[in-house]
Amino acid sequence: MISTGVIVLAQTYIFKVFEQLFNIRNVMKNLNRAFGHAIEMVEMLDEPHEIIDRTNEIMQVTSGKIEFKDVEFKYIDTSPIFK
């Protein structure tokens, strides 16, 4: 004869097993998504560069300067980070 407690215990164990299977499914789904993103990144990294240096000459800079005018950076709808 099976008591009510045994039935409740068995049912609780079954729910816990299904809960863990559901968690494994979520982990596998996230892992699959991560592998997909990794494959896309490898494809991007394997693309040849657009700029190819075709000279063997060594560039020698004797003088020069870099000047920024009217440059600012800000995120959308925020105050400027720098000007």
PDB file of N, CA and C in Angstrom:
ATOM      1  N   MET A   1       0.840  -1.174   0.000  1.00  0.00           N
ATOM      2  CA  MET A   1       0.000   0.000   0.000  1.00  0.00           C
ATOM      3  C   MET A   1       0.896   1.253   0.000  1.00  0.00           C
ATOM      4  N   ILE A   2       0.553   2.228  -0.825  1.00  0.00           N
ATOM      5  CA  ILE A   2       1.337   3.455  -0.955  1.00  0.00           C
ATOM      6  C   ILE A   2       0.608   4.577  -0.229  1.00  0.00           C
ATOM      7  N   SER A   3       1.343   5.274   0.613  1.00  0.00           N
ATOM      8  CA  SER A   3       0.716   6.356   1.376  1.00  0.00           C
ATOM      9  C   SER A   3       0.760   7.667   0.578  1.00  0.00           C
ATOM     10  N   THR A   4       0.030   8.635   1.044  1.00  0.00           N
ATOM     11  CA  THR A   4      -0.016   9.952   0.413  1.00  0.00           C
ATOM     12  C   THR A   4       1.362  10.612   0.436  1.00  0.00           C
ATOM     13  N   GLY A   5       2.082  10.422   1.526  1.00  0.00           N
ATOM     14  CA  GLY A   5       3.422  11.010   1.645  1.00  0.00           C
ATOM     15  C   GLY A   5       4.374  10.493   0.586  1.00  0.00           C
ATOM     16  N   VAL A   6       4.302   9.194   0.286  1.00  0.00           N
ATOM     17  CA  VAL A   6       5.163   8.601  -0.739  1.00  0.00           C
ATOM     18  C   VAL A   6       4.806   9.161  -2.113  1.00  0.00           C
ATOM     19  N   ILE A   7       3.523   9.322  -2.376  1.00  0.00           N
ATOM     20  CA  ILE A   7       3.088   9.881  -3.664  1.00  0.00           C
ATOM     21  C   ILE A   7       3.584  11.327  -3.809  1.00  0.00           C
ATOM     22  N   VAL A   8       3.444  12.120  -2.742  1.00  0.00           N
ATOM     23  CA  VAL A   8       3.902  13.516  -2.779  1.00  0.00           C
ATOM     24  C   VAL A   8       5.419  13.567  -2.955  1.00  0.00           C
ATOM     25  N   LEU A   9       6.137  12.686  -2.260  1.00  0.00           N
ATOM     26  CA  LEU A   9       7.586  12.635  -2.370  1.00  0.00           C
ATOM     27  C   LEU A   9       8.007  12.274  -3.793  1.00  0.00           C
ATOM     28  N   ALA A  10       7.372  11.267  -4.376  1.00  0.00           N
ATOM     29  CA  ALA A  10       7.698  10.848  -5.743  1.00  0.00           C
ATOM     30  C   ALA A  10       7.391  11.968  -6.729  1.00  0.00           C
ATOM     31  N   GLN A  11       6.263  12.628  -6.533  1.00  0.00           N
ATOM     32  CA  GLN A  11       5.884  13.724  -7.415  1.00  0.00           C
ATOM     33  C   GLN A  11       6.891  14.881  -7.292  1.00  0.00           C
ATOM     34  N   THR A  12       7.346  15.181  -6.084  1.00  0.00           N
ATOM     35  CA  THR A  12       8.328  16.241  -5.869  1.00  0.00           C
ATOM     36  C   THR A  12       9.640  15.897  -6.560  1.00  0.00           C
ATOM     37  N   TYR A  13      10.085  14.657  -6.442  1.00  0.00           N
ATOM     38  CA  TYR A  13      11.310  14.224  -7.119  1.00  0.00           C
ATOM     39  C   TYR A  13      11.180  14.354  -8.634  1.00  0.00           C
ATOM     40  N   ILE A  14      10.021  13.948  -9.148  1.00  0.00           N
ATOM     41  CA  ILE A  14       9.799  14.052 -10.604  1.00  0.00           C
ATOM     42  C   ILE A  14       9.846  15.509 -11.041  1.00  0.00           C
ATOM     43  N   PHE A  15       9.223  16.413 -10.291  1.00  0.00           N
ATOM     44  CA  PHE A  15       9.264  17.843 -10.630  1.00  0.00           C
ATOM     45  C   PHE A  15      10.689  18.377 -10.593  1.00  0.00           C
ATOM     46  N   LYS A  16      11.470  17.937  -9.605  1.00  0.00           N
ATOM     47  CA  LYS A  16      12.866  18.382  -9.500  1.00  0.00           C
ATOM     48  C   LYS A  16      13.696  17.883 -10.682  1.00  0.00           C
ATOM     49  N   VAL A  17      13.452  16.652 -11.096  1.00  0.00           N
ATOM     50  CA  VAL A  17      14.175  16.108 -12.257  1.00  0.00           C
ATOM     51  C   VAL A  17      13.837  16.910 -13.505  1.00  0.00           C
ATOM     52  N   PHE A  18      12.559  17.206 -13.712  1.00  0.00           N
ATOM     53  CA  PHE A  18      12.174  17.998 -14.876  1.00  0.00           C
ATOM     54  C   PHE A  18      12.725  19.421 -14.797  1.00  0.00           C
ATOM     55  N   GLU A  19      12.801  19.975 -13.598  1.00  0.00           N
ATOM     56  CA  GLU A  19      13.369  21.310 -13.427  1.00  0.00           C
ATOM     57  C   GLU A  19      14.849  21.309 -13.817  1.00  0.00           C
ATOM     58  N   GLN A  20      15.578  20.285 -13.412  1.00  0.00           N
ATOM     59  CA  GLN A  20      16.997  20.198 -13.770  1.00  0.00           C
ATOM     60  C   GLN A  20      17.168  19.966 -15.271  1.00  0.00           C
ATOM     61  N   LEU A  21      16.298  19.175 -15.877  1.00  0.00           N
ATOM     62  CA  LEU A  21      16.352  18.978 -17.326  1.00  0.00           C
ATOM     63  C   LEU A  21      16.084  20.292 -18.060  1.00  0.00           C
ATOM     64  N   PHE A  22      15.151  21.077 -17.542  1.00  0.00           N
ATOM     65  CA  PHE A  22      14.867  22.381 -18.134  1.00  0.00           C
ATOM     66  C   PHE A  22      16.083  23.289 -18.007  1.00  0.00           C
ATOM     67  N   ASN A  23      16.771  23.267 -16.859  1.00  0.00           N
ATOM     68  CA  ASN A  23      17.973  24.072 -16.671  1.00  0.00           C
ATOM     69  C   ASN A  23      19.085  23.634 -17.626  1.00  0.00           C
ATOM     70  N   ILE A  24      19.236  22.322 -17.819  1.00  0.00           N
ATOM     71  CA  ILE A  24      20.234  21.815 -18.767  1.00  0.00           C
ATOM     72  C   ILE A  24      19.898  22.287 -20.172  1.00  0.00           C
ATOM     73  N   ARG A  25      18.626  22.285 -20.519  1.00  0.00           N
ATOM     74  CA  ARG A  25      18.200  22.769 -21.832  1.00  0.00           C
ATOM     75  C   ARG A  25      18.589  24.223 -22.021  1.00  0.00           C
ATOM     76  N   ASN A  26      18.387  25.069 -20.981  1.00  0.00           N
ATOM     77  CA  ASN A  26      18.761  26.479 -21.082  1.00  0.00           C
ATOM     78  C   ASN A  26      20.269  26.648 -21.233  1.00  0.00           C
ATOM     79  N   VAL A  27      21.025  25.846 -20.500  1.00  0.00           N
ATOM     80  CA  VAL A  27      22.488  25.925 -20.611  1.00  0.00           C
ATOM     81  C   VAL A  27      22.923  25.526 -22.013  1.00  0.00           C
ATOM     82  N   MET A  28      22.354  24.474 -22.546  1.00  0.00           N
ATOM     83  CA  MET A  28      22.705  24.029 -23.904  1.00  0.00           C
ATOM     84  C   MET A  28      22.308  25.066 -24.944  1.00  0.00           C
ATOM     85  N   LYS A  29      21.164  25.709 -24.739  1.00  0.00           N
ATOM     86  CA  LYS A  29      20.730  26.755 -25.668  1.00  0.00           C
ATOM     87  C   LYS A  29      21.709  27.923 -25.651  1.00  0.00           C
ATOM     88  N   ASN A  30      22.126  28.351 -24.454  1.00  0.00           N
ATOM     89  CA  ASN A  30      23.085  29.449 -24.347  1.00  0.00           C
ATOM     90  C   ASN A  30      24.447  29.062 -24.909  1.00  0.00           C
ATOM     91  N   LEU A  31      24.865  27.821 -24.699  1.00  0.00           N
ATOM     92  CA  LEU A  31      26.128  27.345 -25.240  1.00  0.00           C
ATOM     93  C   LEU A  31      26.088  27.323 -26.760  1.00  0.00           C
ATOM     94  N   ASN A  32      24.977  26.870 -27.314  1.00  0.00           N
ATOM     95  CA  ASN A  32      24.810  26.847 -28.762  1.00  0.00           C
ATOM     96  C   ASN A  32      24.864  28.263 -29.327  1.00  0.00           C
ATOM     97  N   ARG A  33      24.212  29.204 -28.654  1.00  0.00           N
ATOM     98  CA  ARG A  33      24.234  30.597 -29.091  1.00  0.00           C
ATOM     99  C   ARG A  33      25.662  31.160 -29.031  1.00  0.00           C
ATOM    100  N   ALA A  34      26.403  30.830 -27.970  1.00  0.00           N
ATOM    101  CA  ALA A  34      27.779  31.308 -27.833  1.00  0.00           C
ATOM    102  C   ALA A  34      28.666  30.740 -28.934  1.00  0.00           C
ATOM    103  N   PHE A  35      28.485  29.460 -29.274  1.00  0.00           N
ATOM    104  CA  PHE A  35      29.254  28.877 -30.375  1.00  0.00           C
ATOM    105  C   PHE A  35      28.920  29.561 -31.693  1.00  0.00           C
ATOM    106  N   GLY A  36      27.662  29.886 -31.899  1.00  0.00           N
ATOM    107  CA  GLY A  36      27.265  30.602 -33.120  1.00  0.00           C
ATOM    108  C   GLY A  36      27.942  31.953 -33.218  1.00  0.00           C
ATOM    109  N   HIS A  37      27.976  32.696 -32.089  1.00  0.00           N
ATOM    110  CA  HIS A  37      28.649  33.994 -32.092  1.00  0.00           C
ATOM    111  C   HIS A  37      30.151  33.829 -32.312  1.00  0.00           C
ATOM    112  N   ALA A  38      30.729  32.788 -31.730  1.00  0.00           N
ATOM    113  CA  ALA A  38      32.163  32.552 -31.901  1.00  0.00           C
ATOM    114  C   ALA A  38      32.482  32.245 -33.360  1.00  0.00           C
ATOM    115  N   ILE A  39      31.640  31.488 -34.020  1.00  0.00           N
ATOM    116  CA  ILE A  39      31.863  31.177 -35.434  1.00  0.00           C
ATOM    117  C   ILE A  39      31.803  32.446 -36.271  1.00  0.00           C
ATOM    118  N   GLU A  40      30.841  33.328 -35.965  1.00  0.00           N
ATOM    119  CA  GLU A  40      30.752  34.594 -36.693  1.00  0.00           C
ATOM    120  C   GLU A  40      32.001  35.448 -36.478  1.00  0.00           C
ATOM    121  N   MET A  41      32.517  35.467 -35.255  1.00  0.00           N
ATOM    122  CA  MET A  41      33.716  36.249 -34.964  1.00  0.00           C
ATOM    123  C   MET A  41      34.925  35.695 -35.714  1.00  0.00           C
ATOM    124  N   VAL A  42      35.054  34.374 -35.777  1.00  0.00           N
ATOM    125  CA  VAL A  42      36.172  33.772 -36.501  1.00  0.00           C
ATOM    126  C   VAL A  42      36.074  34.104 -37.981  1.00  0.00           C
ATOM    127  N   GLU A  43      34.866  34.090 -38.523  1.00  0.00           N
ATOM    128  CA  GLU A  43      34.686  34.456 -39.932  1.00  0.00           C
ATOM    129  C   GLU A  43      35.118  35.896 -40.176  1.00  0.00           C
ATOM    130  N   MET A  44      34.776  36.806 -39.247  1.00  0.00           N
ATOM    131  CA  MET A  44      35.187  38.202 -39.393  1.00  0.00           C
ATOM    132  C   MET A  44      36.701  38.343 -39.298  1.00  0.00           C
ATOM    133  N   LEU A  45      37.301  37.614 -38.378  1.00  0.00           N
ATOM    134  CA  LEU A  45      38.750  37.709 -38.211  1.00  0.00           C
ATOM    135  C   LEU A  45      39.498  37.103 -39.393  1.00  0.00           C
ATOM    136  N   ASP A  46      38.892  36.140 -40.074  1.00  0.00           N
ATOM    137  CA  ASP A  46      39.531  35.515 -41.231  1.00  0.00           C
ATOM    138  C   ASP A  46      39.430  36.361 -42.496  1.00  0.00           C
ATOM    139  N   GLU A  47      38.583  37.398 -42.491  1.00  0.00           N
ATOM    140  CA  GLU A  47      38.460  38.265 -43.672  1.00  0.00           C
ATOM    141  C   GLU A  47      39.759  39.002 -43.911  1.00  0.00           C
ATOM    142  N   PRO A  48      40.191  39.092 -45.161  1.00  0.00           N
ATOM    143  CA  PRO A  48      41.415  39.850 -45.433  1.00  0.00           C
ATOM    144  C   PRO A  48      41.199  41.343 -45.193  1.00  0.00           C
ATOM    145  N   HIS A  49      42.259  42.010 -44.803  1.00  0.00           N
ATOM    146  CA  HIS A  49      42.186  43.442 -44.567  1.00  0.00           C
ATOM    147  C   HIS A  49      42.021  44.185 -45.881  1.00  0.00           C
ATOM    148  N   GLU A  50      41.341  45.334 -45.829  1.00  0.00           N
ATOM    149  CA  GLU A  50      41.134  46.122 -47.041  1.00  0.00           C
ATOM    150  C   GLU A  50      42.396  46.880 -47.434  1.00  0.00           C
ATOM    151  N   ILE A  51      43.200  47.261 -46.454  1.00  0.00           N
ATOM    152  CA  ILE A  51      44.414  48.025 -46.726  1.00  0.00           C
ATOM    153  C   ILE A  51      45.596  47.070 -46.698  1.00  0.00           C
ATOM    154  N   ILE A  52      46.320  47.034 -47.812  1.00  0.00           N
ATOM    155  CA  ILE A  52      47.474  46.153 -47.921  1.00  0.00           C
ATOM    156  C   ILE A  52      48.697  47.026 -48.156  1.00  0.00           C
ATOM    157  N   ASP A  53      49.709  46.877 -47.327  1.00  0.00           N
ATOM    158  CA  ASP A  53      50.946  47.625 -47.473  1.00  0.00           C
ATOM    159  C   ASP A  53      51.796  46.925 -48.523  1.00  0.00           C
ATOM    160  N   ARG A  54      51.989  47.585 -49.660  1.00  0.00           N
ATOM    161  CA  ARG A  54      52.689  46.958 -50.765  1.00  0.00           C
ATOM    162  C   ARG A  54      54.141  47.421 -50.886  1.00  0.00           C
ATOM    163  N   THR A  55      54.613  48.154 -49.939  1.00  0.00           N
ATOM    164  CA  THR A  55      55.976  48.653 -50.018  1.00  0.00           C
ATOM    165  C   THR A  55      56.822  48.052 -48.908  1.00  0.00           C
ATOM    166  N   ASN A  56      58.090  47.899 -49.182  1.00  0.00           N
ATOM    167  CA  ASN A  56      59.018  47.401 -48.178  1.00  0.00           C
ATOM    168  C   ASN A  56      59.828  48.533 -47.565  1.00  0.00           C
ATOM    169  N   GLU A  57      59.542  49.763 -47.995  1.00  0.00           N
ATOM    170  CA  GLU A  57      60.267  50.910 -47.478  1.00  0.00           C
ATOM    171  C   GLU A  57      59.862  51.190 -46.036  1.00  0.00           C
ATOM    172  N   ILE A  58      60.839  51.638 -45.253  1.00  0.00           N
ATOM    173  CA  ILE A  58      60.566  52.015 -43.870  1.00  0.00           C
ATOM    174  C   ILE A  58      60.232  53.494 -43.854  1.00  0.00           C
ATOM    175  N   MET A  59      59.107  53.842 -43.285  1.00  0.00           N
ATOM    176  CA  MET A  59      58.684  55.231 -43.230  1.00  0.00           C
ATOM    177  C   MET A  59      59.484  55.958 -42.158  1.00  0.00           C
ATOM    178  N   GLN A  60      60.043  57.090 -42.541  1.00  0.00           N
ATOM    179  CA  GLN A  60      60.797  57.896 -41.590  1.00  0.00           C
ATOM    180  C   GLN A  60      60.133  59.257 -41.485  1.00  0.00           C
ATOM    181  N   VAL A  61      59.668  59.584 -40.312  1.00  0.00           N
ATOM    182  CA  VAL A  61      59.013  60.864 -40.065  1.00  0.00           C
ATOM    183  C   VAL A  61      60.025  61.766 -39.368  1.00  0.00           C
ATOM    184  N   THR A  62      60.285  62.920 -39.972  1.00  0.00           N
ATOM    185  CA  THR A  62      61.253  63.839 -39.364  1.00  0.00           C
ATOM    186  C   THR A  62      60.563  64.846 -38.453  1.00  0.00           C
ATOM    187  N   SER A  63      59.348  65.238 -38.788  1.00  0.00           N
ATOM    188  CA  SER A  63      58.594  66.140 -37.930  1.00  0.00           C
ATOM    189  C   SER A  63      57.120  66.016 -38.274  1.00  0.00           C
ATOM    190  N   GLY A  64      56.307  66.583 -37.406  1.00  0.00           N
ATOM    191  CA  GLY A  64      54.876  66.530 -37.668  1.00  0.00           C
ATOM    192  C   GLY A  64      54.090  66.758 -36.398  1.00  0.00           C
ATOM    193  N   LYS A  65      52.792  66.923 -36.563  1.00  0.00           N
ATOM    194  CA  LYS A  65      51.925  67.089 -35.413  1.00  0.00           C
ATOM    195  C   LYS A  65      50.523  66.639 -35.784  1.00  0.00           C
ATOM    196  N   ILE A  66      49.776  66.324 -34.774  1.00  0.00           N
ATOM    197  CA  ILE A  66      48.364  65.958 -34.943  1.00  0.00           C
ATOM    198  C   ILE A  66      47.560  66.997 -34.190  1.00  0.00           C
ATOM    199  N   GLU A  67      46.593  67.580 -34.880  1.00  0.00           N
ATOM    200  CA  GLU A  67      45.793  68.639 -34.266  1.00  0.00           C
ATOM    201  C   GLU A  67      44.316  68.291 -34.425  1.00  0.00           C
ATOM    202  N   PHE A  68      43.590  68.384 -33.329  1.00  0.00           N
ATOM    203  CA  PHE A  68      42.154  68.145 -33.335  1.00  0.00           C
ATOM    204  C   PHE A  68      41.446  69.474 -33.128  1.00  0.00           C
ATOM    205  N   LYS A  69      40.492  69.786 -33.987  1.00  0.00           N
ATOM    206  CA  LYS A  69      39.704  71.011 -33.847  1.00  0.00           C
ATOM    207  C   LYS A  69      38.231  70.640 -33.843  1.00  0.00           C
ATOM    208  N   ASP A  70      37.491  71.260 -32.948  1.00  0.00           N
ATOM    209  CA  ASP A  70      36.037  71.065 -32.862  1.00  0.00           C
ATOM    210  C   ASP A  70      35.656  69.586 -32.766  1.00  0.00           C
ATOM    211  N   VAL A  71      36.299  68.897 -31.849  1.00  0.00           N
ATOM    212  CA  VAL A  71      36.022  67.477 -31.649  1.00  0.00           C
ATOM    213  C   VAL A  71      35.350  67.317 -30.290  1.00  0.00           C
ATOM    214  N   GLU A  72      34.267  66.545 -30.267  1.00  0.00           N
ATOM    215  CA  GLU A  72      33.620  66.233 -28.998  1.00  0.00           C
ATOM    216  C   GLU A  72      33.047  64.835 -29.067  1.00  0.00           C
ATOM    217  N   PHE A  73      32.844  64.279 -27.896  1.00  0.00           N
ATOM    218  CA  PHE A  73      32.277  62.935 -27.805  1.00  0.00           C
ATOM    219  C   PHE A  73      31.197  62.938 -26.738  1.00  0.00           C
ATOM    220  N   LYS A  74      30.048  62.350 -27.093  1.00  0.00           N
ATOM    221  CA  LYS A  74      28.979  62.202 -26.108  1.00  0.00           C
ATOM    222  C   LYS A  74      28.111  61.021 -26.511  1.00  0.00           C
ATOM    223  N   TYR A  75      27.476  60.447 -25.514  1.00  0.00           N
ATOM    224  CA  TYR A  75      26.506  59.407 -25.772  1.00  0.00           C
ATOM    225  C   TYR A  75      25.198  60.078 -26.176  1.00  0.00           C
ATOM    226  N   ILE A  76      24.302  59.335 -26.766  1.00  0.00           N
ATOM    227  CA  ILE A  76      23.039  59.887 -27.240  1.00  0.00           C
ATOM    228  C   ILE A  76      22.291  60.519 -26.064  1.00  0.00           C
ATOM    229  N   ASP A  77      21.852  61.746 -26.264  1.00  0.00           N
ATOM    230  CA  ASP A  77      21.045  62.496 -25.286  1.00  0.00           C
ATOM    231  C   ASP A  77      21.747  62.681 -23.939  1.00  0.00           C
ATOM    232  N   THR A  78      23.065  62.861 -23.951  1.00  0.00           N
ATOM    233  CA  THR A  78      23.789  63.178 -22.713  1.00  0.00           C
ATOM    234  C   THR A  78      24.689  64.360 -22.957  1.00  0.00           C
ATOM    235  N   SER A  79      25.225  64.894 -21.895  1.00  0.00           N
ATOM    236  CA  SER A  79      26.173  65.992 -22.052  1.00  0.00           C
ATOM    237  C   SER A  79      27.500  65.444 -22.567  1.00  0.00           C
ATOM    238  N   PRO A  80      28.299  66.279 -23.231  1.00  0.00           N
ATOM    239  CA  PRO A  80      29.555  65.801 -23.833  1.00  0.00           C
ATOM    240  C   PRO A  80      30.513  65.227 -22.779  1.00  0.00           C
ATOM    241  N   ILE A  81      31.181  64.156 -23.148  1.00  0.00           N
ATOM    242  CA  ILE A  81      32.188  63.551 -22.280  1.00  0.00           C
ATOM    243  C   ILE A  81      33.452  64.407 -22.337  1.00  0.00           C
ATOM    244  N   PHE A  82      33.852  64.799 -23.546  1.00  0.00           N
ATOM    245  CA  PHE A  82      34.970  65.739 -23.692  1.00  0.00           C
ATOM    246  C   PHE A  82      34.729  66.606 -24.909  1.00  0.00           C
ATOM    247  N   LYS A  83      35.334  67.794 -24.888  1.00  0.00           N
ATOM    248  CA  LYS A  83      35.262  68.736 -26.014  1.00  0.00           C
ATOM    249  C   LYS A  83      36.654  69.124 -26.414  1.00  0.00           C
TER     250      LYS A  83
END
